[in-house]
Structure formats: structure tokens, C-alpha cells
Amino acid sequence: MAIKKEVLDELLAGAEGKDVFGKDGLFDDLKKALAERMLNAEMDHHLGQETGEGSADRSNHRNGYSRKKVLTDTAKLEIAVPRDREGTFDPKLIAKYQRRFPGFDDKIVSMYARGLTVREIQGHLVEIYGIDISADLVSTITDAVLEEVAEWQSRPLEATYAIVFFDALRVKVRDEGTVRNKAIYLALGVRPDGSKEPLGLRIEQTEGAKFWLRVMNDLKVRGVNDILIATVDGLKGFPEAIGAVFPQTIVQTCIVHLIRHSMGFASWKERKPVTAALREIYRAKDAETAKQKLDEFDAGPWGASIPPSPRAGGVTGAR
């Protein structure tokens, strides 16, 4: 809901830009005022639920305020938290023992994910926001994230997946102060209803059949009983690793890798039109149509221009 123009004019009356956006400026005042208003609304709701609307029992009631300093994503604020006589009020916006405003931890995690060290995160918060936090707090926040990651990695999985794609993504990762290209090995599952779910992400120095065999065993331990189709990149020994754990799974080479392999038999200038011609084969609605498109490709200009022996290898791989 848009804020009325009259309210904005009243808030901004006599204020300069630095007074609005700067440290301890209008934004921080608004955040403090809104937080206290919400906490008081929570207290009203708590007392109303506890005594019952219209009830004569008023044994529990407000009992003043306690001061609490909390870290936000832009400043450190001191807010007044309402208290009740019986001490049963547990606010949801900022819990009893919570010292950081919602969103603050996300900022720390974001900087940590970008490869900043603990000291760099401390310095950044002091320089930009004027917030001085301890190294222990940064470590506590990031350690909590690592616990969530470990929990996600070992979570139970579905019993059956229609398709699981096994492949690698190349990403830039900061490692010991240096940005390096690393391979993130991905298992992406497709459920029977068509929805997708990442089953795992792993960083490994080298890709091999033994590594993927460990991945298959991990999926089995986490509850996967059957994979109908496994799509792989053609790594030697990969189908055997899948078959050792899921013997009834159909292993299919990824179409992207098949086309990439086929490009090895075409010149650089021919690759784009050859790819377009091969697409008609791989996007066919059934095997019979795919065979027809393959025969048309073989009888067409590209089949005639590519030497027979390499064309046979490329076409066989494409099939």
C-alpha cells in the first residue's frame, strides 16, 4: 500500500539527503518506530489471547519496557520491548535472545559467499554502515549456515525419480585468496510430476567412475530406490557405476554432449548450420520420426559433404 504524500511531506520536512539516508538518519528512525509499533501490537494480541476478549480476568497485563540493542543491516538500534507481568510474552519479530534484526544475517552470509574473510567483513560493515561486530559473531553466523548446508546435503530424497541429470558446471570460486575455475558436479532430479529438485552439489578435483559410484551410493542411502532414466555426459565407466547401484536404470547420453561430439566432424564454419540440421533429429517426437530425420540428414548436403567414415562415427554417436 502506497504511503500518502502528506505523510511523506511531514516526515521529510526540513530534512536533508544525508539526514534521510545517512547513519542514524530517518530510515533508521522509521525502522525503530515500526519495530516498536509491531512489538506493541504483538503484546496486545498476546494479552488478548491469554485473557480472552471481554474477559474479566486481567491478572496479566503490561509491565513497562526493557531496552534492547539490535543490529540491523544498516545500524545498531536501541528499541523498547514491551513486557508483561507474568513474563509469558515471547515476541516473534525479535525473539527474547535475538540480537540481530531480520536480514542482518543474510548480509553477512552474502559477503561470506563472495569470498570475503572474517576481517574483511568486519571492515566492510564498519566502513559502510558504521557497525562494529566481533569476529566471533561473524563465525557464529557463517557456522550456522554451514550446519544448514550439511543438513541439506544429507536430507532424505524421494523413492523414485523419472529422470536424473548428472553433469558438471564450471564456476569461479575464491580459494585461499585466489579466484579459480572449479567444477561443481550436479545431480538434478525430475520427479514423476515433472518438478525438479537438486539432489546434490559436490566439488571434486577429478571426475571419474569411482567418484560417481560414491554419488550413487549416497543417493541410495538417502532413500532413492529407482531412477527410470539417467542422463550422463559419456564418461567412460559412468554407465557401469550407475548400473552397480540402480541396475534397472536406462542410461542415456546427454543430447548436448552428443551434438558437441558430432561437431568434431564438421569445420568451424559448418558447425552452426549442422547443429540446426541435427536439432531436427534430437527434437523428434518418437524414434521412427528421428530415424526418418537422420536418413534425410544423411541424404542431404551435409551427409554428402562430410567424409563417410567420420560421418558414420558422428551419426552413430548421434543415434
C-alpha atoms as a PDB file:
ATOM      1  CA  MET A   1       0.000   0.000   0.000  1.00  0.00           C
ATOM      2  CA  ALA A   2       1.461   3.369  -1.021  1.00  0.00           C
ATOM      3  CA  ILE A   3       2.301   5.866   1.722  1.00  0.00           C
ATOM      4  CA  LYS A   4       0.263   9.053   1.483  1.00  0.00           C
ATOM      5  CA  LYS A   5       2.057  12.094   0.100  1.00  0.00           C
ATOM      6  CA  GLU A   6       1.097  14.188   3.133  1.00  0.00           C
ATOM      7  CA  VAL A   7       2.777  11.690   5.466  1.00  0.00           C
ATOM      8  CA  LEU A   8       5.966  11.734   3.391  1.00  0.00           C
ATOM      9  CA  ASP A   9       5.999  15.536   3.337  1.00  0.00           C
ATOM     10  CA  GLU A  10       5.668  15.593   7.105  1.00  0.00           C
ATOM     11  CA  LEU A  11       8.491  13.098   7.564  1.00  0.00           C
ATOM     12  CA  LEU A  12      10.825  14.909   5.166  1.00  0.00           C
ATOM     13  CA  ALA A  13      10.071  18.418   6.406  1.00  0.00           C
ATOM     14  CA  GLY A  14      13.381  20.221   6.938  1.00  0.00           C
ATOM     15  CA  ALA A  15      15.443  17.070   6.308  1.00  0.00           C
ATOM     16  CA  GLU A  16      18.463  16.904   4.010  1.00  0.00           C
ATOM     17  CA  GLY A  17      19.544  13.920   1.946  1.00  0.00           C
ATOM     18  CA  LYS A  18      22.256  12.887   4.379  1.00  0.00           C
ATOM     19  CA  ASP A  19      19.731  13.094   7.238  1.00  0.00           C
ATOM     20  CA  VAL A  20      17.495  10.618   5.437  1.00  0.00           C
ATOM     21  CA  PHE A  21      19.925   8.025   4.094  1.00  0.00           C
ATOM     22  CA  GLY A  22      22.886   8.500   6.447  1.00  0.00           C
ATOM     23  CA  LYS A  23      23.724   6.620   9.626  1.00  0.00           C
ATOM     24  CA  ASP A  24      21.147   7.267  12.390  1.00  0.00           C
ATOM     25  CA  GLY A  25      19.025   9.059   9.781  1.00  0.00           C
ATOM     26  CA  LEU A  26      15.343   8.974   9.002  1.00  0.00           C
ATOM     27  CA  PHE A  27      15.427   5.398   7.694  1.00  0.00           C
ATOM     28  CA  ASP A  28      16.852   4.121  10.972  1.00  0.00           C
ATOM     29  CA  ASP A  29      14.310   6.158  12.947  1.00  0.00           C
ATOM     30  CA  LEU A  30      11.498   4.689  10.869  1.00  0.00           C
ATOM     31  CA  LYS A  31      12.803   1.166  11.334  1.00  0.00           C
ATOM     32  CA  LYS A  32      12.981   1.710  15.105  1.00  0.00           C
ATOM     33  CA  ALA A  33       9.479   3.235  15.253  1.00  0.00           C
ATOM     34  CA  LEU A  34       7.943   0.493  13.107  1.00  0.00           C
ATOM     35  CA  ALA A  35       9.667  -2.252  15.114  1.00  0.00           C
ATOM     36  CA  GLU A  36       8.374  -0.845  18.395  1.00  0.00           C
ATOM     37  CA  ARG A  37       4.875  -0.416  16.929  1.00  0.00           C
ATOM     38  CA  MET A  38       4.855  -4.035  15.758  1.00  0.00           C
ATOM     39  CA  LEU A  39       6.136  -5.288  19.123  1.00  0.00           C
ATOM     40  CA  ASN A  40       3.355  -3.403  20.910  1.00  0.00           C
ATOM     41  CA  ALA A  41       0.807  -4.884  18.509  1.00  0.00           C
ATOM     42  CA  GLU A  42       2.199  -8.347  19.297  1.00  0.00           C
ATOM     43  CA  MET A  43       1.806  -7.613  23.028  1.00  0.00           C
ATOM     44  CA  ASP A  44      -1.825  -6.511  22.544  1.00  0.00           C
ATOM     45  CA  HIS A  45      -2.523  -9.711  20.621  1.00  0.00           C
ATOM     46  CA  HIS A  46      -0.768 -11.808  23.300  1.00  0.00           C
ATOM     47  CA  LEU A  47      -2.746 -10.273  26.177  1.00  0.00           C
ATOM     48  CA  GLY A  48      -5.987 -10.555  24.216  1.00  0.00           C
ATOM     49  CA  GLN A  49      -5.415 -14.253  23.546  1.00  0.00           C
ATOM     50  CA  GLU A  50      -4.293 -15.006  27.092  1.00  0.00           C
ATOM     51  CA  THR A  51      -7.189 -13.367  28.915  1.00  0.00           C
ATOM     52  CA  GLY A  52      -9.813 -13.680  26.187  1.00  0.00           C
ATOM     53  CA  GLU A  53     -11.585 -10.747  24.608  1.00  0.00           C
ATOM     54  CA  GLY A  54     -14.069  -9.241  27.020  1.00  0.00           C
ATOM     55  CA  SER A  55     -12.904 -11.451  29.921  1.00  0.00           C
ATOM     56  CA  ALA A  56     -12.882 -10.020  33.449  1.00  0.00           C
ATOM     57  CA  ASP A  57      -9.641 -11.852  34.213  1.00  0.00           C
ATOM     58  CA  ARG A  58      -6.909  -9.262  33.916  1.00  0.00           C
ATOM     59  CA  SER A  59      -4.236 -10.986  36.025  1.00  0.00           C
ATOM     60  CA  ASN A  60      -1.627 -10.466  33.284  1.00  0.00           C
ATOM     61  CA  HIS A  61      -1.063  -7.007  31.892  1.00  0.00           C
ATOM     62  CA  ARG A  62       1.646  -4.731  30.577  1.00  0.00           C
ATOM     63  CA  ASN A  63       4.619  -4.152  32.828  1.00  0.00           C
ATOM     64  CA  GLY A  64       6.663  -1.394  31.191  1.00  0.00           C
ATOM     65  CA  TYR A  65       9.502  -1.815  28.702  1.00  0.00           C
ATOM     66  CA  SER A  66      13.009  -3.205  28.540  1.00  0.00           C
ATOM     67  CA  ARG A  67      15.730  -1.678  26.384  1.00  0.00           C
ATOM     68  CA  LYS A  68      17.415  -3.883  23.831  1.00  0.00           C
ATOM     69  CA  LYS A  69      20.155  -3.142  21.299  1.00  0.00           C
ATOM     70  CA  VAL A  70      19.787  -4.951  17.997  1.00  0.00           C
ATOM     71  CA  LEU A  71      21.909  -4.960  14.854  1.00  0.00           C
ATOM     72  CA  THR A  72      20.108  -4.148  11.611  1.00  0.00           C
ATOM     73  CA  ASP A  73      21.522  -4.259   8.088  1.00  0.00           C
ATOM     74  CA  THR A  74      22.391  -0.536   8.335  1.00  0.00           C
ATOM     75  CA  ALA A  75      22.892   0.378  12.012  1.00  0.00           C
ATOM     76  CA  LYS A  76      22.726  -0.614  15.670  1.00  0.00           C
ATOM     77  CA  LEU A  77      19.370   0.406  17.178  1.00  0.00           C
ATOM     78  CA  GLU A  78      18.105   0.553  20.727  1.00  0.00           C
ATOM     79  CA  ILE A  79      14.446  -0.412  20.834  1.00  0.00           C
ATOM     80  CA  ALA A  80      11.890  -0.575  23.627  1.00  0.00           C
ATOM     81  CA  VAL A  81      10.488  -4.089  24.019  1.00  0.00           C
ATOM     82  CA  PRO A  82       7.197  -4.308  25.959  1.00  0.00           C
ATOM     83  CA  ARG A  83       6.994  -6.618  28.960  1.00  0.00           C
ATOM     84  CA  ASP A  84       4.086  -8.364  30.615  1.00  0.00           C
ATOM     85  CA  ARG A  85       3.687  -9.004  34.319  1.00  0.00           C
ATOM     86  CA  GLU A  86       3.868 -12.799  34.109  1.00  0.00           C
ATOM     87  CA  GLY A  87       6.780 -12.837  31.648  1.00  0.00           C
ATOM     88  CA  THR A  88       4.999 -15.022  29.102  1.00  0.00           C
ATOM     89  CA  PHE A  89       5.340 -12.629  26.156  1.00  0.00           C
ATOM     90  CA  ASP A  90       7.714 -14.000  23.500  1.00  0.00           C
ATOM     91  CA  PRO A  91       7.794 -11.601  20.518  1.00  0.00           C
ATOM     92  CA  LYS A  92       8.011 -13.045  17.026  1.00  0.00           C
ATOM     93  CA  LEU A  93       9.616 -10.037  15.303  1.00  0.00           C
ATOM     94  CA  ILE A  94      12.664 -10.087  17.578  1.00  0.00           C
ATOM     95  CA  ALA A  95      12.778 -13.095  19.896  1.00  0.00           C
ATOM     96  CA  LYS A  96      13.879 -12.813  23.525  1.00  0.00           C
ATOM     97  CA  TYR A  97      17.514 -13.687  22.986  1.00  0.00           C
ATOM     98  CA  GLN A  98      17.784 -12.418  19.422  1.00  0.00           C
ATOM     99  CA  ARG A  99      20.212  -9.547  18.957  1.00  0.00           C
ATOM    100  CA  ARG A 100      20.109  -9.192  15.194  1.00  0.00           C
ATOM    101  CA  PHE A 101      17.264  -7.804  13.120  1.00  0.00           C
ATOM    102  CA  PRO A 102      15.835  -9.993  10.318  1.00  0.00           C
ATOM    103  CA  GLY A 103      18.050  -9.531   7.233  1.00  0.00           C
ATOM    104  CA  PHE A 104      21.308  -8.851   9.065  1.00  0.00           C
ATOM    105  CA  ASP A 105      22.495 -12.466   8.912  1.00  0.00           C
ATOM    106  CA  ASP A 106      21.699 -12.572   5.189  1.00  0.00           C
ATOM    107  CA  LYS A 107      24.074  -9.661   4.605  1.00  0.00           C
ATOM    108  CA  ILE A 108      26.901 -11.456   6.469  1.00  0.00           C
ATOM    109  CA  VAL A 109      26.273 -14.697   4.572  1.00  0.00           C
ATOM    110  CA  SER A 110      26.202 -12.839   1.241  1.00  0.00           C
ATOM    111  CA  MET A 111      29.636 -11.323   1.873  1.00  0.00           C
ATOM    112  CA  TYR A 112      30.980 -14.652   3.123  1.00  0.00           C
ATOM    113  CA  ALA A 113      29.692 -16.400  -0.016  1.00  0.00           C
ATOM    114  CA  ARG A 114      31.592 -13.881  -2.148  1.00  0.00           C
ATOM    115  CA  GLY A 115      34.839 -14.999  -0.533  1.00  0.00           C
ATOM    116  CA  LEU A 116      35.400 -12.184   1.988  1.00  0.00           C
ATOM    117  CA  THR A 117      37.363 -13.155   5.077  1.00  0.00           C
ATOM    118  CA  VAL A 118      36.115 -12.510   8.613  1.00  0.00           C
ATOM    119  CA  ARG A 119      38.348  -9.411   8.920  1.00  0.00           C
ATOM    120  CA  GLU A 120      37.178  -8.112   5.538  1.00  0.00           C
ATOM    121  CA  ILE A 121      33.532  -8.499   6.576  1.00  0.00           C
ATOM    122  CA  GLN A 122      34.228  -6.638   9.834  1.00  0.00           C
ATOM    123  CA  GLY A 123      35.990  -3.821   7.984  1.00  0.00           C
ATOM    124  CA  HIS A 124      33.250  -3.566   5.364  1.00  0.00           C
ATOM    125  CA  LEU A 125      30.497  -3.206   7.976  1.00  0.00           C
ATOM    126  CA  VAL A 126      32.453  -0.552   9.873  1.00  0.00           C
ATOM    127  CA  GLU A 127      33.364   1.418   6.744  1.00  0.00           C
ATOM    128  CA  ILE A 128      29.966   1.354   5.022  1.00  0.00           C
ATOM    129  CA  TYR A 129      27.484   1.147   7.902  1.00  0.00           C
ATOM    130  CA  GLY A 130      29.457   2.122  10.979  1.00  0.00           C
ATOM    131  CA  ILE A 131      28.600  -1.223  12.614  1.00  0.00           C
ATOM    132  CA  ASP A 132      31.375  -2.820  14.655  1.00  0.00           C
ATOM    133  CA  ILE A 133      30.878  -6.548  15.252  1.00  0.00           C
ATOM    134  CA  SER A 134      33.175  -9.194  16.659  1.00  0.00           C
ATOM    135  CA  ALA A 135      34.906 -11.908  14.677  1.00  0.00           C
ATOM    136  CA  ASP A 136      33.113 -14.480  16.845  1.00  0.00           C
ATOM    137  CA  LEU A 137      29.726 -13.172  15.687  1.00  0.00           C
ATOM    138  CA  VAL A 138      30.713 -13.487  12.011  1.00  0.00           C
ATOM    139  CA  SER A 139      31.946 -17.031  12.635  1.00  0.00           C
ATOM    140  CA  THR A 140      28.752 -17.919  14.532  1.00  0.00           C
ATOM    141  CA  ILE A 141      26.564 -16.735  11.650  1.00  0.00           C
ATOM    142  CA  THR A 142      28.590 -18.488   8.942  1.00  0.00           C
ATOM    143  CA  ASP A 143      28.866 -21.691  11.004  1.00  0.00           C
ATOM    144  CA  ALA A 144      25.068 -21.757  11.306  1.00  0.00           C
ATOM    145  CA  VAL A 145      24.852 -21.617   7.508  1.00  0.00           C
ATOM    146  CA  LEU A 146      27.326 -24.481   7.182  1.00  0.00           C
ATOM    147  CA  GLU A 147      25.138 -26.534   9.525  1.00  0.00           C
ATOM    148  CA  GLU A 148      22.137 -25.862   7.278  1.00  0.00           C
ATOM    149  CA  VAL A 149      24.193 -26.866   4.220  1.00  0.00           C
ATOM    150  CA  ALA A 150      25.222 -30.137   5.876  1.00  0.00           C
ATOM    151  CA  GLU A 151      21.594 -30.811   6.795  1.00  0.00           C
ATOM    152  CA  TRP A 152      20.506 -30.115   3.204  1.00  0.00           C
ATOM    153  CA  GLN A 153      23.196 -32.420   1.832  1.00  0.00           C
ATOM    154  CA  SER A 154      22.005 -35.345   3.945  1.00  0.00           C
ATOM    155  CA  ARG A 155      18.233 -34.761   3.697  1.00  0.00           C
ATOM    156  CA  PRO A 156      16.005 -37.719   2.691  1.00  0.00           C
ATOM    157  CA  LEU A 157      15.081 -37.945  -1.006  1.00  0.00           C
ATOM    158  CA  GLU A 158      12.131 -39.265  -2.994  1.00  0.00           C
ATOM    159  CA  ALA A 159      11.966 -43.016  -3.591  1.00  0.00           C
ATOM    160  CA  THR A 160      11.652 -42.660  -7.391  1.00  0.00           C
ATOM    161  CA  TYR A 161      12.836 -40.096  -9.934  1.00  0.00           C
ATOM    162  CA  ALA A 162      11.737 -40.141 -13.560  1.00  0.00           C
ATOM    163  CA  ILE A 163      14.988 -38.582 -14.815  1.00  0.00           C
ATOM    164  CA  VAL A 164      18.234 -37.587 -13.105  1.00  0.00           C
ATOM    165  CA  PHE A 165      20.787 -35.428 -14.926  1.00  0.00           C
ATOM    166  CA  PHE A 166      24.416 -35.932 -13.891  1.00  0.00           C
ATOM    167  CA  ASP A 167      26.777 -33.245 -15.134  1.00  0.00           C
ATOM    168  CA  ALA A 168      29.320 -30.597 -14.119  1.00  0.00           C
ATOM    169  CA  LEU A 169      29.120 -26.796 -14.016  1.00  0.00           C
ATOM    170  CA  ARG A 170      32.194 -24.595 -14.263  1.00  0.00           C
ATOM    171  CA  VAL A 171      32.106 -21.738 -11.734  1.00  0.00           C
ATOM    172  CA  LYS A 172      34.577 -19.233 -10.324  1.00  0.00           C
ATOM    173  CA  VAL A 173      35.389 -19.946  -6.663  1.00  0.00           C
ATOM    174  CA  ARG A 174      37.619 -17.940  -4.324  1.00  0.00           C
ATOM    175  CA  ASP A 175      40.134 -20.385  -2.881  1.00  0.00           C
ATOM    176  CA  GLU A 176      42.835 -19.173  -0.457  1.00  0.00           C
ATOM    177  CA  GLY A 177      42.629 -15.625  -1.785  1.00  0.00           C
ATOM    178  CA  THR A 178      42.709 -16.674  -5.450  1.00  0.00           C
ATOM    179  CA  VAL A 179      39.761 -16.986  -7.817  1.00  0.00           C
ATOM    180  CA  ARG A 180      39.861 -20.361  -9.572  1.00  0.00           C
ATOM    181  CA  ASN A 181      37.651 -22.176 -12.057  1.00  0.00           C
ATOM    182  CA  LYS A 182      36.253 -25.276 -10.396  1.00  0.00           C
ATOM    183  CA  ALA A 183      33.867 -27.987 -11.475  1.00  0.00           C
ATOM    184  CA  ILE A 184      30.673 -28.337  -9.437  1.00  0.00           C
ATOM    185  CA  TYR A 185      29.255 -31.808 -10.029  1.00  0.00           C
ATOM    186  CA  LEU A 186      25.481 -31.724 -10.072  1.00  0.00           C
ATOM    187  CA  ALA A 187      22.736 -34.318  -9.716  1.00  0.00           C
ATOM    188  CA  LEU A 188      19.401 -32.814 -10.794  1.00  0.00           C
ATOM    189  CA  GLY A 189      16.327 -34.984 -10.347  1.00  0.00           C
ATOM    190  CA  VAL A 190      12.974 -34.740 -12.112  1.00  0.00           C
ATOM    191  CA  ARG A 191      10.082 -36.112 -10.070  1.00  0.00           C
ATOM    192  CA  PRO A 192       7.211 -38.083 -11.661  1.00  0.00           C
ATOM    193  CA  ASP A 193       5.047 -34.931 -11.535  1.00  0.00           C
ATOM    194  CA  GLY A 194       7.641 -33.006 -13.599  1.00  0.00           C
ATOM    195  CA  SER A 195       9.021 -30.811 -10.815  1.00  0.00           C
ATOM    196  CA  LYS A 196      12.799 -30.550 -10.470  1.00  0.00           C
ATOM    197  CA  GLU A 197      14.967 -30.978  -7.381  1.00  0.00           C
ATOM    198  CA  PRO A 198      18.749 -30.623  -6.968  1.00  0.00           C
ATOM    199  CA  LEU A 199      19.846 -33.854  -5.294  1.00  0.00           C
ATOM    200  CA  GLY A 200      23.383 -32.762  -4.566  1.00  0.00           C
ATOM    201  CA  LEU A 201      26.294 -30.459  -5.393  1.00  0.00           C
ATOM    202  CA  ARG A 202      29.872 -31.601  -4.981  1.00  0.00           C
ATOM    203  CA  ILE A 203      33.337 -30.198  -5.652  1.00  0.00           C
ATOM    204  CA  GLU A 204      35.865 -32.840  -6.664  1.00  0.00           C
ATOM    205  CA  GLN A 205      39.384 -32.484  -8.020  1.00  0.00           C
ATOM    206  CA  THR A 206      38.894 -35.113 -10.721  1.00  0.00           C
ATOM    207  CA  GLU A 207      35.809 -36.695 -12.258  1.00  0.00           C
ATOM    208  CA  GLY A 208      35.780 -40.457 -12.598  1.00  0.00           C
ATOM    209  CA  ALA A 209      33.646 -43.576 -12.350  1.00  0.00           C
ATOM    210  CA  LYS A 210      34.682 -44.124  -8.711  1.00  0.00           C
ATOM    211  CA  PHE A 211      33.511 -40.627  -7.783  1.00  0.00           C
ATOM    212  CA  TRP A 212      30.108 -41.136  -9.435  1.00  0.00           C
ATOM    213  CA  LEU A 213      29.802 -44.558  -7.792  1.00  0.00           C
ATOM    214  CA  ARG A 214      30.088 -42.788  -4.413  1.00  0.00           C
ATOM    215  CA  VAL A 215      27.364 -40.382  -5.557  1.00  0.00           C
ATOM    216  CA  MET A 216      25.068 -43.308  -6.495  1.00  0.00           C
ATOM    217  CA  ASN A 217      25.620 -44.973  -3.130  1.00  0.00           C
ATOM    218  CA  ASP A 218      24.871 -41.679  -1.371  1.00  0.00           C
ATOM    219  CA  LEU A 219      21.583 -41.327  -3.280  1.00  0.00           C
ATOM    220  CA  LYS A 220      20.696 -44.907  -2.356  1.00  0.00           C
ATOM    221  CA  VAL A 221      21.412 -44.316   1.332  1.00  0.00           C
ATOM    222  CA  ARG A 222      19.248 -41.173   1.296  1.00  0.00           C
ATOM    223  CA  GLY A 223      16.202 -43.106   0.114  1.00  0.00           C
ATOM    224  CA  VAL A 224      16.313 -43.292  -3.701  1.00  0.00           C
ATOM    225  CA  ASN A 225      15.181 -46.761  -4.797  1.00  0.00           C
ATOM    226  CA  ASP A 226      14.803 -46.276  -8.542  1.00  0.00           C
ATOM    227  CA  ILE A 227      15.832 -43.899 -11.331  1.00  0.00           C
ATOM    228  CA  LEU A 228      13.999 -44.501 -14.606  1.00  0.00           C
ATOM    229  CA  ILE A 229      16.418 -42.597 -16.880  1.00  0.00           C
ATOM    230  CA  ALA A 230      19.894 -41.302 -16.039  1.00  0.00           C
ATOM    231  CA  THR A 231      21.320 -38.693 -18.410  1.00  0.00           C
ATOM    232  CA  VAL A 232      25.134 -38.552 -18.444  1.00  0.00           C
ATOM    233  CA  ASP A 233      27.963 -36.971 -20.429  1.00  0.00           C
ATOM    234  CA  GLY A 234      29.538 -40.125 -21.870  1.00  0.00           C
ATOM    235  CA  LEU A 235      32.323 -40.528 -19.272  1.00  0.00           C
ATOM    236  CA  LYS A 236      33.937 -43.951 -19.510  1.00  0.00           C
ATOM    237  CA  GLY A 237      32.704 -46.246 -16.746  1.00  0.00           C
ATOM    238  CA  PHE A 238      29.816 -43.955 -15.825  1.00  0.00           C
ATOM    239  CA  PRO A 239      27.008 -46.309 -17.004  1.00  0.00           C
ATOM    240  CA  GLU A 240      28.623 -49.177 -15.079  1.00  0.00           C
ATOM    241  CA  ALA A 241      28.735 -47.044 -11.897  1.00  0.00           C
ATOM    242  CA  ILE A 242      25.019 -46.290 -12.253  1.00  0.00           C
ATOM    243  CA  GLY A 243      24.137 -49.916 -13.058  1.00  0.00           C
ATOM    244  CA  ALA A 244      26.001 -51.190  -9.996  1.00  0.00           C
ATOM    245  CA  VAL A 245      23.557 -49.349  -7.693  1.00  0.00           C
ATOM    246  CA  PHE A 246      20.474 -48.943  -9.914  1.00  0.00           C
ATOM    247  CA  PRO A 247      20.576 -51.940 -12.278  1.00  0.00           C
ATOM    248  CA  GLN A 248      17.222 -51.231 -13.985  1.00  0.00           C
ATOM    249  CA  THR A 249      18.025 -47.607 -14.846  1.00  0.00           C
ATOM    250  CA  ILE A 250      18.194 -46.676 -18.539  1.00  0.00           C
ATOM    251  CA  VAL A 251      21.379 -44.674 -19.165  1.00  0.00           C
ATOM    252  CA  GLN A 252      21.168 -42.078 -21.934  1.00  0.00           C
ATOM    253  CA  THR A 253      23.920 -39.802 -23.174  1.00  0.00           C
ATOM    254  CA  CYS A 254      23.043 -36.132 -22.862  1.00  0.00           C
ATOM    255  CA  ILE A 255      21.878 -34.683 -26.203  1.00  0.00           C
ATOM    256  CA  VAL A 256      24.051 -31.596 -25.735  1.00  0.00           C
ATOM    257  CA  HIS A 257      27.131 -33.792 -25.414  1.00  0.00           C
ATOM    258  CA  LEU A 258      26.069 -35.848 -28.439  1.00  0.00           C
ATOM    259  CA  ILE A 259      25.771 -32.732 -30.587  1.00  0.00           C
ATOM    260  CA  ARG A 260      29.085 -31.447 -29.229  1.00  0.00           C
ATOM    261  CA  HIS A 261      30.696 -34.749 -30.190  1.00  0.00           C
ATOM    262  CA  SER A 262      29.178 -34.536 -33.679  1.00  0.00           C
ATOM    263  CA  MET A 263      30.697 -31.069 -34.159  1.00  0.00           C
ATOM    264  CA  GLY A 264      34.137 -32.689 -34.138  1.00  0.00           C
ATOM    265  CA  PHE A 265      33.428 -33.921 -37.679  1.00  0.00           C
ATOM    266  CA  ALA A 266      32.430 -30.533 -39.112  1.00  0.00           C
ATOM    267  CA  SER A 267      34.534 -27.455 -39.882  1.00  0.00           C
ATOM    268  CA  TRP A 268      34.168 -24.319 -37.772  1.00  0.00           C
ATOM    269  CA  LYS A 269      32.065 -22.540 -40.420  1.00  0.00           C
ATOM    270  CA  GLU A 270      29.776 -25.552 -40.791  1.00  0.00           C
ATOM    271  CA  ARG A 271      29.008 -26.009 -37.096  1.00  0.00           C
ATOM    272  CA  LYS A 272      26.061 -23.625 -36.825  1.00  0.00           C
ATOM    273  CA  PRO A 273      24.044 -24.952 -39.805  1.00  0.00           C
ATOM    274  CA  VAL A 274      24.967 -28.573 -38.965  1.00  0.00           C
ATOM    275  CA  THR A 275      23.727 -28.052 -35.409  1.00  0.00           C
ATOM    276  CA  ALA A 276      20.423 -26.714 -36.768  1.00  0.00           C
ATOM    277  CA  ALA A 277      20.093 -29.764 -39.025  1.00  0.00           C
ATOM    278  CA  LEU A 278      20.875 -32.178 -36.170  1.00  0.00           C
ATOM    279  CA  ARG A 279      18.319 -30.463 -33.965  1.00  0.00           C
ATOM    280  CA  GLU A 280      15.551 -31.852 -36.169  1.00  0.00           C
ATOM    281  CA  ILE A 281      16.745 -35.341 -35.245  1.00  0.00           C
ATOM    282  CA  TYR A 282      17.050 -34.826 -31.490  1.00  0.00           C
ATOM    283  CA  ARG A 283      13.735 -32.996 -31.168  1.00  0.00           C
ATOM    284  CA  ALA A 284      11.755 -35.683 -32.991  1.00  0.00           C
ATOM    285  CA  LYS A 285       8.634 -36.808 -31.149  1.00  0.00           C
ATOM    286  CA  ASP A 286       9.450 -40.544 -31.426  1.00  0.00           C
ATOM    287  CA  ALA A 287      12.146 -42.981 -32.590  1.00  0.00           C
ATOM    288  CA  GLU A 288      10.569 -43.547 -36.009  1.00  0.00           C
ATOM    289  CA  THR A 289      10.484 -39.819 -36.788  1.00  0.00           C
ATOM    290  CA  ALA A 290      14.076 -39.460 -35.512  1.00  0.00           C
ATOM    291  CA  LYS A 291      15.249 -42.219 -37.869  1.00  0.00           C
ATOM    292  CA  GLN A 292      13.467 -40.515 -40.771  1.00  0.00           C
ATOM    293  CA  LYS A 293      15.161 -37.196 -39.955  1.00  0.00           C
ATOM    294  CA  LEU A 294      18.515 -38.965 -39.646  1.00  0.00           C
ATOM    295  CA  ASP A 295      18.091 -40.544 -43.103  1.00  0.00           C
ATOM    296  CA  GLU A 296      17.185 -37.118 -44.521  1.00  0.00           C
ATOM    297  CA  PHE A 297      20.308 -35.633 -42.911  1.00  0.00           C
ATOM    298  CA  ASP A 298      22.464 -38.411 -44.391  1.00  0.00           C
ATOM    299  CA  ALA A 299      20.942 -37.921 -47.878  1.00  0.00           C
ATOM    300  CA  GLY A 300      21.143 -34.131 -47.698  1.00  0.00           C
ATOM    301  CA  PRO A 301      24.026 -31.706 -48.413  1.00  0.00           C
ATOM    302  CA  TRP A 302      25.711 -32.250 -45.049  1.00  0.00           C
ATOM    303  CA  GLY A 303      25.727 -36.014 -45.419  1.00  0.00           C
ATOM    304  CA  ALA A 304      27.348 -35.642 -48.858  1.00  0.00           C
ATOM    305  CA  SER A 305      29.933 -33.039 -47.774  1.00  0.00           C
ATOM    306  CA  ILE A 306      31.238 -34.922 -44.727  1.00  0.00           C
ATOM    307  CA  PRO A 307      33.502 -37.943 -45.470  1.00  0.00           C
ATOM    308  CA  PRO A 308      31.760 -41.313 -44.944  1.00  0.00           C
ATOM    309  CA  SER A 309      33.901 -42.712 -42.119  1.00  0.00           C
ATOM    310  CA  PRO A 310      33.753 -39.704 -39.769  1.00  0.00           C
ATOM    311  CA  ARG A 311      30.123 -39.126 -40.730  1.00  0.00           C
ATOM    312  CA  ALA A 312      29.330 -42.666 -39.657  1.00  0.00           C
ATOM    313  CA  GLY A 313      31.011 -42.061 -36.326  1.00  0.00           C
ATOM    314  CA  GLY A 314      29.174 -38.800 -35.806  1.00  0.00           C
ATOM    315  CA  VAL A 315      25.812 -40.194 -36.840  1.00  0.00           C
ATOM    316  CA  THR A 316      26.245 -43.353 -34.756  1.00  0.00           C
ATOM    317  CA  GLY A 317      27.046 -41.196 -31.752  1.00  0.00           C
ATOM    318  CA  ALA A 318      24.028 -39.032 -32.517  1.00  0.00           C
ATOM    319  CA  ARG A 319      21.734 -42.046 -32.530  1.00  0.00           C
END
